[in-house]
């Protein structure tokens, strides 16, 4: 009930500042035993009927946090306390990089949307590995953690496969699954790697390494919502050829269609990926197309415009096994996981 007021206060700060303030406040709360107990009691609830086995992993519920929120594995305990069934760290790159100049994250409150051009800002894969190792050593959490991996901005596309390999090898012992991100619009030339030849090289190399391990990890691909049906057919072919465990559909869009926010304001923001309510319908359309195009055993993690239990239910009925939230978390607040799960539990 109080989150709308808290959100109004946070929205007085820049989006990045508000993010750091809220997550650091949650970290302080998490490190205070009495407050931590109250947080978990309020936000984390067990939903036995929503538990499921996907990709050989046990998910306590199907609601996950998409990559980009905790890029550097800094808030794992805090996010676990909010009831997420799983989350993705990253996108991480071999070397740390600052990302694009600020400001690079913008709110469109009238549309319940965000535009970002972060540019894979992160501390580097070694830092992420060390934090994950420390978190794993503590134990006490069953939350599934995925590793979302990318390439450094300065790495030419012809050498991109090396960056993905470095991240894969470095994180292998510390994440439960991997997502290859070639669909962010904020790294120059990155989306060119979604073309069949380049993508087959990256995924084929990773899968060769993966299958050489004693216990291979599920390997997924995150795609853009701006692909044509022909390109989606290529993705389906690659998923079969490279034996991918799944696809994350979808990343942010470069489209600005259907926004309520006045065009001059949107134009003033400039380049970046749009997320939130405006992408829900098209993202679900992509999901439905893929569900028909790919092997039935290939799972889909649905991301794009999930704010409510009804939104999540729509994605699951369209063919997704799991759903992810990001922008909805910003606008709806920390009760979003519990509310979505309660809705889905009532639908059972």
Protein backbone atom coordinates (compact mmCIF):
# COMPACT_ATOMS: atom_id res chain seq x y z
CA UNK A 1 0.00 0.00 0.00
CA UNK A 2 2.86 2.38 0.75
CA UNK A 3 4.90 1.60 -2.38
CA UNK A 4 3.18 4.23 -4.59
CA UNK A 5 4.37 6.87 -2.13
CA UNK A 6 7.85 5.37 -1.94
CA UNK A 7 7.98 5.17 -5.73
CA UNK A 8 7.05 8.86 -5.98
CA UNK A 9 9.95 9.69 -3.69
CA UNK A 10 12.38 7.48 -5.59
CA UNK A 11 11.26 8.96 -8.90
CA UNK A 12 12.57 12.32 -7.70
CA UNK A 13 16.05 10.88 -8.24
CA UNK A 14 17.61 9.80 -11.50
CA UNK A 15 16.76 6.17 -12.36
CA UNK A 16 20.28 4.90 -11.68
CA UNK A 17 20.50 6.79 -8.38
CA UNK A 18 17.10 5.49 -7.31
CA UNK A 19 18.18 1.94 -8.17
CA UNK A 20 21.29 2.13 -6.02
CA UNK A 21 19.46 3.83 -3.14
CA UNK A 22 16.69 1.24 -3.02
CA UNK A 23 18.94 -1.80 -3.38
CA UNK A 24 21.43 -0.55 -0.80
CA UNK A 25 18.55 0.11 1.59
CA UNK A 26 17.39 -3.46 1.02
CA UNK A 27 20.92 -4.71 1.68
CA UNK A 28 21.02 -2.85 5.01
CA UNK A 29 17.64 -4.34 5.90
CA UNK A 30 18.84 -7.79 4.92
CA UNK A 31 21.83 -7.48 7.24
CA UNK A 32 19.58 -6.56 10.18
CA UNK A 33 18.18 -9.89 11.50
CA UNK A 34 14.86 -8.55 12.82
CA UNK A 35 14.18 -6.49 9.70
CA UNK A 36 15.32 -9.34 7.46
CA UNK A 37 12.80 -11.64 9.11
CA UNK A 38 10.02 -9.12 8.53
CA UNK A 39 11.02 -8.65 4.87
CA UNK A 40 10.96 -12.38 4.19
CA UNK A 41 7.63 -12.79 5.99
CA UNK A 42 6.08 -10.04 3.91
CA UNK A 43 7.51 -10.81 0.48
CA UNK A 44 8.62 -14.43 0.30
CA UNK A 45 5.91 -17.06 0.35
CA UNK A 46 5.99 -20.70 -0.61
CA UNK A 47 3.75 -21.81 -3.48
CA UNK A 48 4.10 -25.61 -3.71
CA UNK A 49 1.75 -25.86 -6.70
CA UNK A 50 3.95 -23.46 -8.68
CA UNK A 51 7.15 -25.44 -8.20
CA UNK A 52 8.41 -26.94 -11.44
CA UNK A 53 11.30 -28.78 -13.05
CA UNK A 54 12.61 -26.95 -16.10
CA UNK A 55 15.87 -27.71 -17.95
CA UNK A 56 16.70 -30.21 -15.22
CA UNK A 57 16.54 -27.47 -12.56
CA UNK A 58 14.06 -27.08 -9.72
CA UNK A 59 12.33 -23.70 -9.62
CA UNK A 60 10.42 -22.76 -6.46
CA UNK A 61 8.18 -20.59 -8.64
CA UNK A 62 8.23 -19.45 -12.29
CA UNK A 63 8.86 -15.75 -11.62
CA UNK A 64 12.41 -14.60 -12.29
CA UNK A 65 14.33 -11.34 -12.45
CA UNK A 66 15.75 -10.56 -15.88
CA UNK A 67 19.38 -9.68 -16.44
CA UNK A 68 20.39 -6.06 -16.06
CA UNK A 69 19.03 -5.47 -12.58
CA UNK A 70 21.86 -7.10 -10.64
CA UNK A 71 24.63 -6.95 -13.19
CA UNK A 72 27.44 -7.66 -10.74
CA UNK A 73 25.95 -10.27 -8.37
CA UNK A 74 25.78 -7.71 -5.56
CA UNK A 75 22.24 -8.34 -4.30
CA UNK A 76 21.67 -12.09 -4.41
CA UNK A 77 20.49 -12.47 -0.81
CA UNK A 78 18.30 -9.40 -1.09
CA UNK A 79 16.55 -10.63 -4.23
CA UNK A 80 16.13 -14.08 -2.74
CA UNK A 81 14.37 -12.46 0.23
CA UNK A 82 11.83 -10.91 -2.16
CA UNK A 83 10.70 -14.34 -3.31
CA UNK A 84 12.12 -14.66 -6.81
CA UNK A 85 12.19 -18.21 -8.12
CA UNK A 86 15.32 -17.38 -10.09
CA UNK A 87 17.34 -14.45 -11.38
CA UNK A 88 20.07 -13.66 -13.89
CA UNK A 89 23.24 -11.77 -13.17
CA UNK A 90 24.85 -9.68 -15.89
CA UNK A 91 25.17 -9.05 -18.67
CA UNK A 92 28.82 -9.70 -17.77
CA UNK A 93 31.77 -9.28 -20.10
CA UNK A 94 35.36 -10.58 -19.85
CA UNK A 95 36.74 -7.23 -18.75
CA UNK A 96 34.95 -4.64 -16.66
CA UNK A 97 33.71 -1.65 -18.61
CA UNK A 98 31.92 1.59 -17.68
CA UNK A 99 29.20 1.37 -20.29
CA UNK A 100 27.76 4.36 -22.09
CA UNK A 101 27.89 7.91 -20.70
CA UNK A 102 25.18 9.02 -18.29
CA UNK A 103 22.31 9.75 -18.43
CA UNK A 104 21.52 6.38 -19.97
CA UNK A 105 18.35 5.22 -18.21
CA UNK A 106 15.06 7.07 -18.62
CA UNK A 107 11.52 6.67 -17.28
CA UNK A 108 8.34 7.03 -19.29
CA UNK A 109 5.79 6.96 -16.44
CA UNK A 110 2.77 7.57 -18.67
CA UNK A 111 3.64 4.38 -20.53
CA UNK A 112 4.97 2.44 -17.54
CA UNK A 113 8.13 2.01 -19.55
CA UNK A 114 11.87 2.58 -19.48
CA UNK A 115 14.42 3.39 -22.14
CA UNK A 116 17.99 2.32 -21.45
CA UNK A 117 21.29 2.49 -23.27
CA UNK A 118 23.45 1.17 -20.46
CA UNK A 119 25.98 -0.54 -22.73
CA UNK A 120 26.91 -3.62 -20.68
CA UNK A 121 28.37 -1.63 -17.78
CA UNK A 122 29.74 -4.22 -15.33
CA UNK A 123 32.71 -5.07 -13.12
CA UNK A 124 33.90 -7.93 -15.32
CA UNK A 125 33.45 -11.67 -15.18
CA UNK A 126 36.13 -12.31 -12.54
CA UNK A 127 34.40 -10.03 -10.04
CA UNK A 128 31.05 -11.71 -10.72
CA UNK A 129 32.62 -15.15 -10.26
CA UNK A 130 34.18 -14.19 -6.94
CA UNK A 131 30.89 -12.85 -5.55
CA UNK A 132 28.99 -15.91 -6.73
CA UNK A 133 31.59 -18.19 -5.18
CA UNK A 134 31.26 -16.42 -1.85
CA UNK A 135 27.46 -16.59 -2.03
CA UNK A 136 27.50 -20.29 -2.90
CA UNK A 137 29.92 -20.98 -0.03
CA UNK A 138 27.48 -19.44 2.47
CA UNK A 139 24.66 -21.71 1.28
CA UNK A 140 21.15 -21.37 2.62
CA UNK A 141 19.44 -20.45 -0.66
CA UNK A 142 17.80 -22.58 -3.32
CA UNK A 143 17.31 -19.70 -5.75
CA UNK A 144 18.36 -20.56 -9.28
CA UNK A 145 20.95 -18.14 -10.71
CA UNK A 146 21.62 -17.75 -14.42
CA UNK A 147 24.62 -16.12 -16.02
CA UNK A 148 23.87 -13.67 -18.84
CA UNK A 149 27.04 -13.24 -20.91
CA UNK A 150 28.15 -10.78 -23.58
CA UNK A 151 31.15 -9.29 -25.33
CA UNK A 152 33.22 -6.24 -24.54
CA UNK A 153 32.48 -3.14 -26.60
CA UNK A 154 36.04 -3.01 -27.99
CA UNK A 155 36.00 -6.64 -29.14
CA UNK A 156 35.39 -6.89 -32.91
CA UNK A 157 32.51 -9.11 -33.92
CA UNK A 158 34.77 -11.63 -35.61
CA UNK A 159 36.40 -12.28 -32.22
CA UNK A 160 33.20 -12.13 -30.19
CA UNK A 161 33.14 -15.90 -29.72
CA UNK A 162 36.29 -15.61 -27.59
CA UNK A 163 34.58 -13.22 -25.16
CA UNK A 164 31.59 -15.52 -24.76
CA UNK A 165 33.91 -18.47 -24.21
CA UNK A 166 35.85 -16.63 -21.49
CA UNK A 167 32.66 -15.74 -19.63
CA UNK A 168 31.28 -19.26 -20.02
CA UNK A 169 34.39 -20.95 -18.69
CA UNK A 170 34.85 -18.49 -15.83
CA UNK A 171 31.27 -18.74 -14.54
CA UNK A 172 30.63 -22.40 -15.29
CA UNK A 173 30.98 -23.71 -11.74
CA UNK A 174 28.92 -20.91 -10.19
CA UNK A 175 25.73 -20.45 -12.23
CA UNK A 176 22.90 -22.86 -12.95
CA UNK A 177 22.35 -21.92 -16.59
CA UNK A 178 23.71 -19.57 -19.23
CA UNK A 179 22.07 -17.00 -21.49
CA UNK A 180 23.96 -15.72 -24.53
CA UNK A 181 23.06 -12.08 -25.08
CA UNK A 182 23.50 -10.90 -28.66
CA UNK A 183 20.31 -8.83 -28.68
CA UNK A 184 21.02 -5.69 -26.67
CA UNK A 185 20.67 -2.60 -28.89
CA UNK A 186 23.19 -0.66 -26.79
CA UNK A 187 26.51 -2.17 -27.88
CA UNK A 188 27.43 -1.11 -31.43
CA UNK A 189 27.14 -3.98 -33.88
CA UNK A 190 26.07 -6.53 -31.27
CA UNK A 191 22.75 -7.38 -32.94
CA UNK A 192 24.63 -8.32 -36.10
CA UNK A 193 25.67 -11.43 -34.15
CA UNK A 194 22.05 -12.63 -34.37
CA UNK A 195 22.70 -13.47 -38.03
CA UNK A 196 22.81 -17.21 -38.61
CA UNK A 197 26.50 -17.63 -39.41
CA UNK A 198 27.88 -15.55 -36.55
CA UNK A 199 25.42 -16.95 -34.04
CA UNK A 200 26.07 -20.55 -35.04
CA UNK A 201 29.80 -20.03 -34.46
CA UNK A 202 29.31 -18.59 -30.96
CA UNK A 203 26.74 -21.14 -29.83
CA UNK A 204 28.49 -24.07 -31.49
CA UNK A 205 31.75 -23.22 -29.73
CA UNK A 206 30.04 -22.90 -26.35
CA UNK A 207 28.09 -26.09 -26.80
CA UNK A 208 31.24 -28.02 -27.72
CA UNK A 209 32.81 -26.87 -24.46
CA UNK A 210 29.60 -27.49 -22.55
CA UNK A 211 29.17 -31.05 -23.75
CA UNK A 212 32.76 -31.79 -22.76
CA UNK A 213 31.91 -31.10 -19.13
CA UNK A 214 30.87 -33.90 -16.77
CA UNK A 215 27.58 -32.06 -16.11
CA UNK A 216 26.67 -29.68 -18.97
CA UNK A 217 24.70 -26.57 -18.10
CA UNK A 218 21.52 -25.43 -19.91
CA UNK A 219 22.49 -22.98 -22.66
CA UNK A 220 19.93 -20.39 -23.80
CA UNK A 221 19.82 -17.53 -26.28
CA UNK A 222 18.24 -14.13 -25.65
CA UNK A 223 16.67 -12.58 -28.75
CA UNK A 224 15.40 -9.16 -29.77
CA UNK A 225 11.72 -8.47 -30.36
CA UNK A 226 12.58 -6.71 -33.61
CA UNK A 227 13.34 -9.84 -35.65
CA UNK A 228 11.37 -10.76 -38.75
CA UNK A 229 9.61 -14.11 -39.08
CA UNK A 230 12.39 -15.23 -41.42
CA UNK A 231 14.98 -14.39 -38.78
CA UNK A 232 12.92 -16.17 -36.13
CA UNK A 233 12.91 -19.25 -38.37
CA UNK A 234 16.70 -19.03 -38.46
CA UNK A 235 16.75 -18.83 -34.67
CA UNK A 236 14.60 -21.96 -34.52
CA UNK A 237 17.01 -23.77 -36.84
CA UNK A 238 20.00 -22.70 -34.75
CA UNK A 239 18.25 -23.82 -31.56
CA UNK A 240 17.83 -27.28 -33.06
CA UNK A 241 21.30 -27.50 -34.58
CA UNK A 242 23.09 -26.27 -31.45
CA UNK A 243 20.74 -28.18 -29.14
CA UNK A 244 19.89 -25.14 -27.07
CA UNK A 245 17.98 -25.70 -23.86
CA UNK A 246 15.90 -22.62 -24.43
CA UNK A 247 15.30 -19.10 -25.68
CA UNK A 248 14.67 -15.90 -23.73
CA UNK A 249 12.02 -13.91 -25.58
CA UNK A 250 12.53 -11.02 -25.60
CA UNK A 251 15.05 -8.25 -24.98
CA UNK A 252 14.22 -4.54 -25.29
CA UNK A 253 12.98 -3.03 -28.54
CA UNK A 254 14.26 -0.16 -30.65
CA UNK A 255 10.68 0.59 -31.72
CA UNK A 256 8.84 3.61 -30.33
CA UNK A 257 5.40 2.75 -31.71
CA UNK A 258 2.27 3.20 -29.63
CA UNK A 259 3.72 5.36 -26.86
CA UNK A 260 1.54 7.79 -24.93
CA UNK A 261 4.50 9.98 -24.00
CA UNK A 262 4.73 12.92 -26.39
CA UNK A 263 7.03 12.30 -29.35
CA UNK A 264 9.26 15.31 -28.66
CA UNK A 265 10.06 13.99 -25.19
CA UNK A 266 10.82 10.52 -26.53
CA UNK A 267 12.97 11.94 -29.34
CA UNK A 268 14.92 14.03 -26.80
CA UNK A 269 15.88 10.84 -24.94
CA UNK A 270 17.47 9.39 -28.05
CA UNK A 271 18.72 5.88 -28.66
CA UNK A 272 18.16 2.92 -26.37
CA UNK A 273 16.05 -0.14 -25.76
CA UNK A 274 12.43 0.29 -24.72
CA UNK A 275 10.99 -2.01 -22.05
CA UNK A 276 7.81 -2.24 -20.03
CA UNK A 277 4.10 -2.23 -20.84
CA UNK A 278 4.46 -1.11 -24.48
CA UNK A 279 6.40 -4.25 -25.44
CA UNK A 280 4.10 -6.81 -23.80
CA UNK A 281 1.82 -7.52 -26.74
CA UNK A 282 4.55 -7.78 -29.37
CA UNK A 283 6.78 -9.83 -27.11
CA UNK A 284 3.94 -12.30 -26.60
CA UNK A 285 3.41 -12.42 -30.37
CA UNK A 286 7.07 -13.39 -30.80
CA UNK A 287 6.67 -15.99 -28.08
CA UNK A 288 3.70 -17.60 -29.80
CA UNK A 289 5.51 -17.72 -33.13
CA UNK A 290 8.58 -19.31 -31.58
CA UNK A 291 6.53 -21.86 -29.70
CA UNK A 292 5.28 -23.16 -33.04
CA UNK A 293 8.68 -22.94 -34.75
CA UNK A 294 11.00 -24.54 -32.21
CA UNK A 295 11.23 -28.05 -30.83
CA UNK A 296 8.61 -28.65 -28.11
CA UNK A 297 11.43 -29.65 -25.73
CA UNK A 298 13.10 -26.25 -26.12
CA UNK A 299 11.91 -24.04 -23.28
CA UNK A 300 11.00 -20.37 -23.54
CA UNK A 301 11.61 -17.82 -20.82
CA UNK A 302 9.16 -14.99 -21.46
CA UNK A 303 10.32 -11.45 -20.79
CA UNK A 304 8.61 -8.26 -21.84
CA UNK A 305 5.89 -6.19 -20.18
CA UNK A 306 5.04 -8.49 -17.27
CA UNK A 307 3.48 -6.37 -14.51
CA UNK A 308 0.61 -8.47 -13.16
CA UNK A 309 -0.44 -12.04 -12.60
CA UNK A 310 -2.65 -11.78 -15.68
CA UNK A 311 0.38 -10.70 -17.75
CA UNK A 312 2.35 -13.69 -16.48
CA UNK A 313 -0.55 -16.05 -17.11
CA UNK A 314 -0.78 -14.77 -20.69
CA UNK A 315 2.88 -15.59 -21.30
CA UNK A 316 2.61 -19.06 -19.78
CA UNK A 317 -0.51 -19.89 -21.78
CA UNK A 318 1.25 -18.67 -24.94
CA UNK A 319 3.88 -21.34 -24.43
CA UNK A 320 6.47 -20.08 -21.95
CA UNK A 321 7.71 -22.30 -19.14
CA UNK A 322 9.04 -19.42 -17.03
CA UNK A 323 8.62 -15.64 -16.99
CA UNK A 324 10.95 -12.76 -16.18
CA UNK A 325 10.27 -9.27 -14.88
CA UNK A 326 12.37 -6.10 -14.85
CA UNK A 327 10.52 -2.88 -15.62
CA UNK A 328 7.45 -4.20 -13.80
CA UNK A 329 9.58 -4.49 -10.66
CA UNK A 330 10.37 -0.78 -10.87
CA UNK A 331 6.77 0.32 -11.28
CA UNK A 332 4.94 -2.27 -9.16
CA UNK A 333 7.45 -2.63 -6.32
CA UNK A 334 8.77 -5.51 -4.20
CA UNK A 335 5.38 -7.21 -3.78
CA UNK A 336 5.23 -8.00 -7.49
CA UNK A 337 6.57 -11.56 -7.17
CA UNK A 338 4.13 -12.53 -4.44
CA UNK A 339 1.19 -10.95 -6.26
CA UNK A 340 2.00 -12.72 -9.52
CA UNK A 341 2.45 -16.04 -7.75
CA UNK A 342 -0.80 -15.65 -5.84
CA UNK A 343 -2.63 -15.04 -9.12
CA UNK A 344 -1.01 -18.04 -10.80
CA UNK A 345 -1.66 -20.23 -7.76
CA UNK A 346 -5.34 -19.32 -7.87
CA UNK A 347 -5.41 -20.26 -11.57
CA UNK A 348 -4.20 -23.79 -10.82
